[in-house]
Amino acid sequence: AIIVDDPDAPAGTWVHWVVWNIPVTQHIKEDHVP
């Protein structure tokens, strides 16, 4: 699973990406929904 967030946002932590059930891999490709 991946969570990308920004704790410095003015209103508190801002969430940019939430992804789960990614098959086990050592590489997430650019511009790819894993």
PDB file of all heavy atoms in Angstrom:
ATOM      1  N   ALA A   1       0.872  -1.177   0.000  1.00  0.00           N
ATOM      2  CA  ALA A   1       0.000   0.000   0.000  1.00  0.00           C
ATOM      3  C   ALA A   1       0.908   1.225   0.000  1.00  0.00           C
ATOM      4  O   ALA A   1       2.031   1.179   0.512  1.00  0.00           O
ATOM      5  CB  ALA A   1      -0.910   0.020   1.221  1.00  0.00           C
ATOM      6  N   ILE A   2       0.419   2.317  -0.595  1.00  0.00           N
ATOM      7  CA  ILE A   2       1.175   3.570  -0.635  1.00  0.00           C
ATOM      8  C   ILE A   2       0.268   4.712  -0.201  1.00  0.00           C
ATOM      9  O   ILE A   2      -0.886   4.796  -0.636  1.00  0.00           O
ATOM     10  CB  ILE A   2       1.711   3.876  -2.052  1.00  0.00           C
ATOM     11  CG1 ILE A   2       2.668   2.783  -2.525  1.00  0.00           C
ATOM     12  CG2 ILE A   2       2.389   5.244  -2.097  1.00  0.00           C
ATOM     13  CD1 ILE A   2       3.110   2.934  -3.974  1.00  0.00           C
ATOM     14  N   ILE A   3       0.813   5.577   0.641  1.00  0.00           N
ATOM     15  CA  ILE A   3       0.153   6.829   1.011  1.00  0.00           C
ATOM     16  C   ILE A   3       1.167   7.940   0.759  1.00  0.00           C
ATOM     17  O   ILE A   3       2.305   7.857   1.211  1.00  0.00           O
ATOM     18  CB  ILE A   3      -0.292   6.845   2.487  1.00  0.00           C
ATOM     19  CG1 ILE A   3      -1.343   5.768   2.744  1.00  0.00           C
ATOM     20  CG2 ILE A   3      -0.808   8.236   2.874  1.00  0.00           C
ATOM     21  CD1 ILE A   3      -1.717   5.594   4.210  1.00  0.00           C
ATOM     22  N   VAL A   4       0.756   8.962   0.015  1.00  0.00           N
ATOM     23  CA  VAL A   4       1.610  10.125  -0.214  1.00  0.00           C
ATOM     24  C   VAL A   4       0.903  11.320   0.409  1.00  0.00           C
ATOM     25  O   VAL A   4      -0.263  11.592   0.093  1.00  0.00           O
ATOM     26  CB  VAL A   4       1.849  10.382  -1.722  1.00  0.00           C
ATOM     27  CG1 VAL A   4       2.708  11.625  -1.918  1.00  0.00           C
ATOM     28  CG2 VAL A   4       2.503   9.161  -2.374  1.00  0.00           C
ATOM     29  N   ASP A   5       1.594  12.008   1.325  1.00  0.00           N
ATOM     30  CA  ASP A   5       0.967  13.169   1.946  1.00  0.00           C
ATOM     31  C   ASP A   5       1.968  14.283   2.228  1.00  0.00           C
ATOM     32  O   ASP A   5       3.174  14.102   2.132  1.00  0.00           O
ATOM     33  CB  ASP A   5       0.170  12.789   3.195  1.00  0.00           C
ATOM     34  CG  ASP A   5       0.977  12.110   4.282  1.00  0.00           C
ATOM     35  OD1 ASP A   5       2.215  12.260   4.316  1.00  0.00           O
ATOM     36  OD2 ASP A   5       0.375  11.429   5.128  1.00  0.00           O
ATOM     37  N   ASP A   6       1.409  15.443   2.527  1.00  0.00           N
ATOM     38  CA  ASP A   6       2.147  16.688   2.770  1.00  0.00           C
ATOM     39  C   ASP A   6       1.767  17.199   4.155  1.00  0.00           C
ATOM     40  O   ASP A   6       0.685  17.746   4.330  1.00  0.00           O
ATOM     41  CB  ASP A   6       1.782  17.709   1.685  1.00  0.00           C
ATOM     42  CG  ASP A   6       2.230  19.139   2.005  1.00  0.00           C
ATOM     43  OD1 ASP A   6       2.997  19.353   2.964  1.00  0.00           O
ATOM     44  OD2 ASP A   6       1.797  20.047   1.274  1.00  0.00           O
ATOM     45  N   PRO A   7       2.640  17.023   5.160  1.00  0.00           N
ATOM     46  CA  PRO A   7       2.313  17.488   6.504  1.00  0.00           C
ATOM     47  C   PRO A   7       2.433  18.998   6.682  1.00  0.00           C
ATOM     48  O   PRO A   7       2.065  19.528   7.727  1.00  0.00           O
ATOM     49  CB  PRO A   7       3.340  16.759   7.376  1.00  0.00           C
ATOM     50  CG  PRO A   7       4.523  16.611   6.481  1.00  0.00           C
ATOM     51  CD  PRO A   7       3.956  16.380   5.096  1.00  0.00           C
ATOM     52  N   ASP A   8       2.939  19.701   5.662  1.00  0.00           N
ATOM     53  CA  ASP A   8       3.166  21.146   5.770  1.00  0.00           C
ATOM     54  C   ASP A   8       2.024  21.985   5.198  1.00  0.00           C
ATOM     55  O   ASP A   8       2.131  23.212   5.143  1.00  0.00           O
ATOM     56  CB  ASP A   8       4.474  21.514   5.064  1.00  0.00           C
ATOM     57  CG  ASP A   8       5.654  20.751   5.643  1.00  0.00           C
ATOM     58  OD1 ASP A   8       5.716  20.592   6.882  1.00  0.00           O
ATOM     59  OD2 ASP A   8       6.510  20.303   4.863  1.00  0.00           O
ATOM     60  N   ALA A   9       0.942  21.343   4.773  1.00  0.00           N
ATOM     61  CA  ALA A   9      -0.187  22.085   4.203  1.00  0.00           C
ATOM     62  C   ALA A   9      -0.797  22.991   5.272  1.00  0.00           C
ATOM     63  O   ALA A   9      -0.842  22.633   6.453  1.00  0.00           O
ATOM     64  CB  ALA A   9      -1.231  21.110   3.663  1.00  0.00           C
ATOM     65  N   PRO A  10      -1.293  24.167   4.874  1.00  0.00           N
ATOM     66  CA  PRO A  10      -1.828  25.139   5.835  1.00  0.00           C
ATOM     67  C   PRO A  10      -2.961  24.607   6.719  1.00  0.00           C
ATOM     68  O   PRO A  10      -3.039  24.943   7.891  1.00  0.00           O
ATOM     69  CB  PRO A  10      -2.344  26.276   4.947  1.00  0.00           C
ATOM     70  CG  PRO A  10      -1.584  26.149   3.678  1.00  0.00           C
ATOM     71  CD  PRO A  10      -1.295  24.689   3.500  1.00  0.00           C
ATOM     72  N   ALA A  11      -3.808  23.757   6.163  1.00  0.00           N
ATOM     73  CA  ALA A  11      -4.956  23.251   6.929  1.00  0.00           C
ATOM     74  C   ALA A  11      -4.663  21.925   7.619  1.00  0.00           C
ATOM     75  O   ALA A  11      -5.565  21.283   8.145  1.00  0.00           O
ATOM     76  CB  ALA A  11      -6.161  23.098   6.005  1.00  0.00           C
ATOM     77  N   GLY A  12      -3.409  21.499   7.631  1.00  0.00           N
ATOM     78  CA  GLY A  12      -3.048  20.198   8.198  1.00  0.00           C
ATOM     79  C   GLY A  12      -2.595  19.272   7.076  1.00  0.00           C
ATOM     80  O   GLY A  12      -2.578  19.652   5.910  1.00  0.00           O
ATOM     81  N   THR A  13      -2.241  18.055   7.427  1.00  0.00           N
ATOM     82  CA  THR A  13      -1.710  17.110   6.442  1.00  0.00           C
ATOM     83  C   THR A  13      -2.662  16.936   5.264  1.00  0.00           C
ATOM     84  O   THR A  13      -3.853  16.691   5.444  1.00  0.00           O
ATOM     85  CB  THR A  13      -1.433  15.753   7.107  1.00  0.00           C
ATOM     86  OG1 THR A  13      -0.482  15.945   8.156  1.00  0.00           O
ATOM     87  CG2 THR A  13      -0.878  14.751   6.102  1.00  0.00           C
ATOM     88  N   TRP A  14      -2.101  17.087   4.053  1.00  0.00           N
ATOM     89  CA  TRP A  14      -2.882  16.979   2.810  1.00  0.00           C
ATOM     90  C   TRP A  14      -2.491  15.674   2.126  1.00  0.00           C
ATOM     91  O   TRP A  14      -1.313  15.411   1.886  1.00  0.00           O
ATOM     92  CB  TRP A  14      -2.587  18.167   1.896  1.00  0.00           C
ATOM     93  CG  TRP A  14      -3.471  18.235   0.700  1.00  0.00           C
ATOM     94  CD1 TRP A  14      -3.223  17.733  -0.548  1.00  0.00           C
ATOM     95  CD2 TRP A  14      -4.767  18.830   0.616  1.00  0.00           C
ATOM     96  NE1 TRP A  14      -4.273  17.980  -1.393  1.00  0.00           N
ATOM     97  CE2 TRP A  14      -5.238  18.659  -0.699  1.00  0.00           C
ATOM     98  CE3 TRP A  14      -5.571  19.499   1.544  1.00  0.00           C
ATOM     99  CZ2 TRP A  14      -6.470  19.124  -1.122  1.00  0.00           C
ATOM    100  CZ3 TRP A  14      -6.800  19.967   1.124  1.00  0.00           C
ATOM    101  CH2 TRP A  14      -7.243  19.779  -0.188  1.00  0.00           C
ATOM    102  N   VAL A  15      -3.489  14.869   1.794  1.00  0.00           N
ATOM    103  CA  VAL A  15      -3.264  13.555   1.196  1.00  0.00           C
ATOM    104  C   VAL A  15      -3.271  13.661  -0.327  1.00  0.00           C
ATOM    105  O   VAL A  15      -4.236  14.138  -0.918  1.00  0.00           O
ATOM    106  CB  VAL A  15      -4.333  12.547   1.671  1.00  0.00           C
ATOM    107  CG1 VAL A  15      -4.094  11.179   1.053  1.00  0.00           C
ATOM    108  CG2 VAL A  15      -4.339  12.469   3.193  1.00  0.00           C
ATOM    109  N   HIS A  16      -2.190  13.176  -0.954  1.00  0.00           N
ATOM    110  CA  HIS A  16      -2.034  13.258  -2.407  1.00  0.00           C
ATOM    111  C   HIS A  16      -2.308  11.950  -3.134  1.00  0.00           C
ATOM    112  O   HIS A  16      -2.641  11.961  -4.318  1.00  0.00           O
ATOM    113  CB  HIS A  16      -0.617  13.738  -2.749  1.00  0.00           C
ATOM    114  CG  HIS A  16      -0.411  15.174  -2.424  1.00  0.00           C
ATOM    115  ND1 HIS A  16      -0.525  16.165  -3.355  1.00  0.00           N
ATOM    116  CD2 HIS A  16      -0.137  15.791  -1.249  1.00  0.00           C
ATOM    117  CE1 HIS A  16      -0.311  17.343  -2.783  1.00  0.00           C
ATOM    118  NE2 HIS A  16      -0.077  17.143  -1.508  1.00  0.00           N
ATOM    119  N   TRP A  17      -2.147  10.808  -2.447  1.00  0.00           N
ATOM    120  CA  TRP A  17      -2.353   9.523  -3.111  1.00  0.00           C
ATOM    121  C   TRP A  17      -2.587   8.450  -2.072  1.00  0.00           C
ATOM    122  O   TRP A  17      -1.900   8.414  -1.040  1.00  0.00           O
ATOM    123  CB  TRP A  17      -1.127   9.177  -3.937  1.00  0.00           C
ATOM    124  CG  TRP A  17      -1.326   8.217  -5.075  1.00  0.00           C
ATOM    125  CD1 TRP A  17      -2.486   7.938  -5.748  1.00  0.00           C
ATOM    126  CD2 TRP A  17      -0.306   7.429  -5.709  1.00  0.00           C
ATOM    127  NE1 TRP A  17      -2.239   7.043  -6.764  1.00  0.00           N
ATOM    128  CE2 TRP A  17      -0.911   6.712  -6.763  1.00  0.00           C
ATOM    129  CE3 TRP A  17       1.057   7.277  -5.494  1.00  0.00           C
ATOM    130  CZ2 TRP A  17      -0.204   5.843  -7.592  1.00  0.00           C
ATOM    131  CZ3 TRP A  17       1.761   6.418  -6.318  1.00  0.00           C
ATOM    132  CH2 TRP A  17       1.145   5.715  -7.354  1.00  0.00           C
ATOM    133  N   VAL A  18      -3.564   7.599  -2.335  1.00  0.00           N
ATOM    134  CA  VAL A  18      -3.897   6.464  -1.480  1.00  0.00           C
ATOM    135  C   VAL A  18      -4.083   5.260  -2.405  1.00  0.00           C
ATOM    136  O   VAL A  18      -4.971   5.271  -3.257  1.00  0.00           O
ATOM    137  CB  VAL A  18      -5.204   6.728  -0.687  1.00  0.00           C
ATOM    138  CG1 VAL A  18      -5.553   5.560   0.204  1.00  0.00           C
ATOM    139  CG2 VAL A  18      -5.102   8.007   0.124  1.00  0.00           C
ATOM    140  N   VAL A  19      -3.228   4.247  -2.259  1.00  0.00           N
ATOM    141  CA  VAL A  19      -3.287   3.063  -3.125  1.00  0.00           C
ATOM    142  C   VAL A  19      -3.047   1.812  -2.289  1.00  0.00           C
ATOM    143  O   VAL A  19      -2.159   1.809  -1.430  1.00  0.00           O
ATOM    144  CB  VAL A  19      -2.193   3.097  -4.219  1.00  0.00           C
ATOM    145  CG1 VAL A  19      -2.428   2.030  -5.266  1.00  0.00           C
ATOM    146  CG2 VAL A  19      -2.068   4.438  -4.867  1.00  0.00           C
ATOM    147  N   TRP A  20      -3.805   0.757  -2.551  1.00  0.00           N
ATOM    148  CA  TRP A  20      -3.611  -0.500  -1.840  1.00  0.00           C
ATOM    149  C   TRP A  20      -3.803  -1.670  -2.809  1.00  0.00           C
ATOM    150  O   TRP A  20      -4.122  -1.480  -3.975  1.00  0.00           O
ATOM    151  CB  TRP A  20      -4.551  -0.607  -0.636  1.00  0.00           C
ATOM    152  CG  TRP A  20      -6.009  -0.642  -0.995  1.00  0.00           C
ATOM    153  CD1 TRP A  20      -6.766  -1.753  -1.238  1.00  0.00           C
ATOM    154  CD2 TRP A  20      -6.876   0.477  -1.169  1.00  0.00           C
ATOM    155  NE1 TRP A  20      -8.058  -1.376  -1.554  1.00  0.00           N
ATOM    156  CE2 TRP A  20      -8.150  -0.015  -1.518  1.00  0.00           C
ATOM    157  CE3 TRP A  20      -6.699   1.860  -1.066  1.00  0.00           C
ATOM    158  CZ2 TRP A  20      -9.236   0.811  -1.766  1.00  0.00           C
ATOM    159  CZ3 TRP A  20      -7.785   2.684  -1.322  1.00  0.00           C
ATOM    160  CH2 TRP A  20      -9.033   2.160  -1.649  1.00  0.00           C
ATOM    161  N   ASN A  21      -3.587  -2.891  -2.274  1.00  0.00           N
ATOM    162  CA  ASN A  21      -3.645  -4.126  -3.069  1.00  0.00           C
ATOM    163  C   ASN A  21      -2.713  -4.068  -4.271  1.00  0.00           C
ATOM    164  O   ASN A  21      -3.025  -4.558  -5.360  1.00  0.00           O
ATOM    165  CB  ASN A  21      -5.079  -4.471  -3.498  1.00  0.00           C
ATOM    166  CG  ASN A  21      -5.908  -4.957  -2.320  1.00  0.00           C
ATOM    167  OD1 ASN A  21      -5.373  -5.229  -1.241  1.00  0.00           O
ATOM    168  ND2 ASN A  21      -7.202  -5.053  -2.511  1.00  0.00           N
ATOM    169  N   ILE A  22      -1.552  -3.479  -4.049  1.00  0.00           N
ATOM    170  CA  ILE A  22      -0.505  -3.465  -5.062  1.00  0.00           C
ATOM    171  C   ILE A  22       0.184  -4.826  -5.002  1.00  0.00           C
ATOM    172  O   ILE A  22       0.628  -5.239  -3.928  1.00  0.00           O
ATOM    173  CB  ILE A  22       0.527  -2.344  -4.779  1.00  0.00           C
ATOM    174  CG1 ILE A  22      -0.159  -0.974  -4.756  1.00  0.00           C
ATOM    175  CG2 ILE A  22       1.669  -2.397  -5.778  1.00  0.00           C
ATOM    176  CD1 ILE A  22       0.703   0.142  -4.185  1.00  0.00           C
ATOM    177  N   PRO A  23       0.254  -5.545  -6.114  1.00  0.00           N
ATOM    178  CA  PRO A  23       0.982  -6.817  -6.090  1.00  0.00           C
ATOM    179  C   PRO A  23       2.417  -6.578  -5.614  1.00  0.00           C
ATOM    180  O   PRO A  23       3.021  -5.545  -5.922  1.00  0.00           O
ATOM    181  CB  PRO A  23       0.955  -7.276  -7.551  1.00  0.00           C
ATOM    182  CG  PRO A  23      -0.249  -6.590  -8.136  1.00  0.00           C
ATOM    183  CD  PRO A  23      -0.324  -5.264  -7.426  1.00  0.00           C
ATOM    184  N   VAL A  24       2.952  -7.519  -4.865  1.00  0.00           N
ATOM    185  CA  VAL A  24       4.295  -7.372  -4.324  1.00  0.00           C
ATOM    186  C   VAL A  24       5.285  -7.205  -5.472  1.00  0.00           C
ATOM    187  O   VAL A  24       5.359  -8.031  -6.380  1.00  0.00           O
ATOM    188  CB  VAL A  24       4.670  -8.583  -3.439  1.00  0.00           C
ATOM    189  CG1 VAL A  24       6.105  -8.474  -2.960  1.00  0.00           C
ATOM    190  CG2 VAL A  24       3.707  -8.674  -2.262  1.00  0.00           C
ATOM    191  N   THR A  25       6.006  -6.097  -5.435  1.00  0.00           N
ATOM    192  CA  THR A  25       6.956  -5.750  -6.475  1.00  0.00           C
ATOM    193  C   THR A  25       8.045  -4.870  -5.894  1.00  0.00           C
ATOM    194  O   THR A  25       7.810  -4.182  -4.890  1.00  0.00           O
ATOM    195  CB  THR A  25       6.263  -5.011  -7.644  1.00  0.00           C
ATOM    196  OG1 THR A  25       7.234  -4.710  -8.646  1.00  0.00           O
ATOM    197  CG2 THR A  25       5.610  -3.719  -7.187  1.00  0.00           C
ATOM    198  N   GLN A  26       9.188  -4.867  -6.521  1.00  0.00           N
ATOM    199  CA  GLN A  26      10.266  -3.993  -6.064  1.00  0.00           C
ATOM    200  C   GLN A  26      10.312  -2.689  -6.852  1.00  0.00           C
ATOM    201  O   GLN A  26      11.171  -1.852  -6.609  1.00  0.00           O
ATOM    202  CB  GLN A  26      11.616  -4.709  -6.175  1.00  0.00           C
ATOM    203  CG  GLN A  26      11.736  -5.852  -5.197  1.00  0.00           C
ATOM    204  CD  GLN A  26      13.117  -6.473  -5.212  1.00  0.00           C
ATOM    205  OE1 GLN A  26      14.021  -6.043  -5.908  1.00  0.00           O
ATOM    206  NE2 GLN A  26      13.288  -7.502  -4.410  1.00  0.00           N
ATOM    207  N   HIS A  27       9.382  -2.520  -7.799  1.00  0.00           N
ATOM    208  CA  HIS A  27       9.410  -1.305  -8.613  1.00  0.00           C
ATOM    209  C   HIS A  27       7.993  -0.842  -8.970  1.00  0.00           C
ATOM    210  O   HIS A  27       7.223  -1.605  -9.558  1.00  0.00           O
ATOM    211  CB  HIS A  27      10.209  -1.548  -9.894  1.00  0.00           C
ATOM    212  CG  HIS A  27      10.366  -0.319 -10.731  1.00  0.00           C
ATOM    213  ND1 HIS A  27      11.185   0.735 -10.360  1.00  0.00           N
ATOM    214  CD2 HIS A  27       9.792   0.032 -11.896  1.00  0.00           C
ATOM    215  CE1 HIS A  27      11.100   1.686 -11.293  1.00  0.00           C
ATOM    216  NE2 HIS A  27      10.269   1.286 -12.225  1.00  0.00           N
ATOM    217  N   ILE A  28       7.669   0.375  -8.597  1.00  0.00           N
ATOM    218  CA  ILE A  28       6.422   1.019  -9.018  1.00  0.00           C
ATOM    219  C   ILE A  28       6.802   1.921 -10.195  1.00  0.00           C
ATOM    220  O   ILE A  28       7.668   2.794 -10.063  1.00  0.00           O
ATOM    221  CB  ILE A  28       5.806   1.878  -7.880  1.00  0.00           C
ATOM    222  CG1 ILE A  28       5.568   1.030  -6.629  1.00  0.00           C
ATOM    223  CG2 ILE A  28       4.543   2.570  -8.369  1.00  0.00           C
ATOM    224  CD1 ILE A  28       4.557  -0.073  -6.768  1.00  0.00           C
ATOM    225  N   LYS A  29       6.182   1.713 -11.321  1.00  0.00           N
ATOM    226  CA  LYS A  29       6.522   2.474 -12.523  1.00  0.00           C
ATOM    227  C   LYS A  29       5.989   3.901 -12.461  1.00  0.00           C
ATOM    228  O   LYS A  29       4.941   4.156 -11.860  1.00  0.00           O
ATOM    229  CB  LYS A  29       5.947   1.794 -13.768  1.00  0.00           C
ATOM    230  CG  LYS A  29       6.523   0.440 -14.040  1.00  0.00           C
ATOM    231  CD  LYS A  29       5.842  -0.190 -15.240  1.00  0.00           C
ATOM    232  CE  LYS A  29       6.300  -1.615 -15.435  1.00  0.00           C
ATOM    233  NZ  LYS A  29       5.527  -2.293 -16.479  1.00  0.00           N
ATOM    234  N   GLU A  30       6.686   4.792 -13.116  1.00  0.00           N
ATOM    235  CA  GLU A  30       6.238   6.170 -13.287  1.00  0.00           C
ATOM    236  C   GLU A  30       4.919   6.170 -14.060  1.00  0.00           C
ATOM    237  O   GLU A  30       4.728   5.362 -14.972  1.00  0.00           O
ATOM    238  CB  GLU A  30       7.312   6.928 -14.068  1.00  0.00           C
ATOM    239  CG  GLU A  30       6.920   8.331 -14.468  1.00  0.00           C
ATOM    240  CD  GLU A  30       8.002   8.986 -15.326  1.00  0.00           C
ATOM    241  OE1 GLU A  30       9.058   9.331 -14.784  1.00  0.00           O
ATOM    242  OE2 GLU A  30       7.766   9.126 -16.536  1.00  0.00           O
ATOM    243  N   ASP A  31       4.008   7.078 -13.674  1.00  0.00           N
ATOM    244  CA  ASP A  31       2.732   7.247 -14.370  1.00  0.00           C
ATOM    245  C   ASP A  31       1.985   5.927 -14.509  1.00  0.00           C
ATOM    246  O   ASP A  31       1.527   5.552 -15.588  1.00  0.00           O
ATOM    247  CB  ASP A  31       2.955   7.890 -15.743  1.00  0.00           C
ATOM    248  CG  ASP A  31       1.653   8.381 -16.378  1.00  0.00           C
ATOM    249  OD1 ASP A  31       0.664   8.590 -15.644  1.00  0.00           O
ATOM    250  OD2 ASP A  31       1.631   8.545 -17.610  1.00  0.00           O
ATOM    251  N   HIS A  32       1.872   5.206 -13.390  1.00  0.00           N
ATOM    252  CA  HIS A  32       1.258   3.877 -13.403  1.00  0.00           C
ATOM    253  C   HIS A  32       0.359   3.715 -12.184  1.00  0.00           C
ATOM    254  O   HIS A  32       0.730   4.114 -11.086  1.00  0.00           O
ATOM    255  CB  HIS A  32       2.360   2.815 -13.391  1.00  0.00           C
ATOM    256  CG  HIS A  32       1.862   1.427 -13.359  1.00  0.00           C
ATOM    257  ND1 HIS A  32       1.257   0.821 -14.429  1.00  0.00           N
ATOM    258  CD2 HIS A  32       1.864   0.509 -12.359  1.00  0.00           C
ATOM    259  CE1 HIS A  32       0.918  -0.414 -14.107  1.00  0.00           C
ATOM    260  NE2 HIS A  32       1.269  -0.624 -12.859  1.00  0.00           N
ATOM    261  N   VAL A  33      -0.804   3.142 -12.380  1.00  0.00           N
ATOM    262  CA  VAL A  33      -1.707   2.826 -11.280  1.00  0.00           C
ATOM    263  C   VAL A  33      -1.390   1.386 -10.858  1.00  0.00           C
ATOM    264  O   VAL A  33      -1.774   0.449 -11.549  1.00  0.00           O
ATOM    265  CB  VAL A  33      -3.188   2.945 -11.700  1.00  0.00           C
ATOM    266  CG1 VAL A  33      -4.096   2.562 -10.546  1.00  0.00           C
ATOM    267  CG2 VAL A  33      -3.493   4.350 -12.190  1.00  0.00           C
ATOM    268  N   PRO A  34      -0.674   1.222  -9.747  1.00  0.00           N
ATOM    269  CA  PRO A  34      -0.212  -0.113  -9.379  1.00  0.00           C
ATOM    270  C   PRO A  34      -1.227  -0.974  -8.636  1.00  0.00           C
ATOM    271  O   PRO A  34      -1.032  -2.173  -8.484  1.00  0.00           O
ATOM    272  CB  PRO A  34       0.987   0.187  -8.487  1.00  0.00           C
ATOM    273  CG  PRO A  34       0.643   1.494  -7.850  1.00  0.00           C
ATOM    274  CD  PRO A  34      -0.127   2.263  -8.904  1.00  0.00           C
TER     275      PRO A  34
END
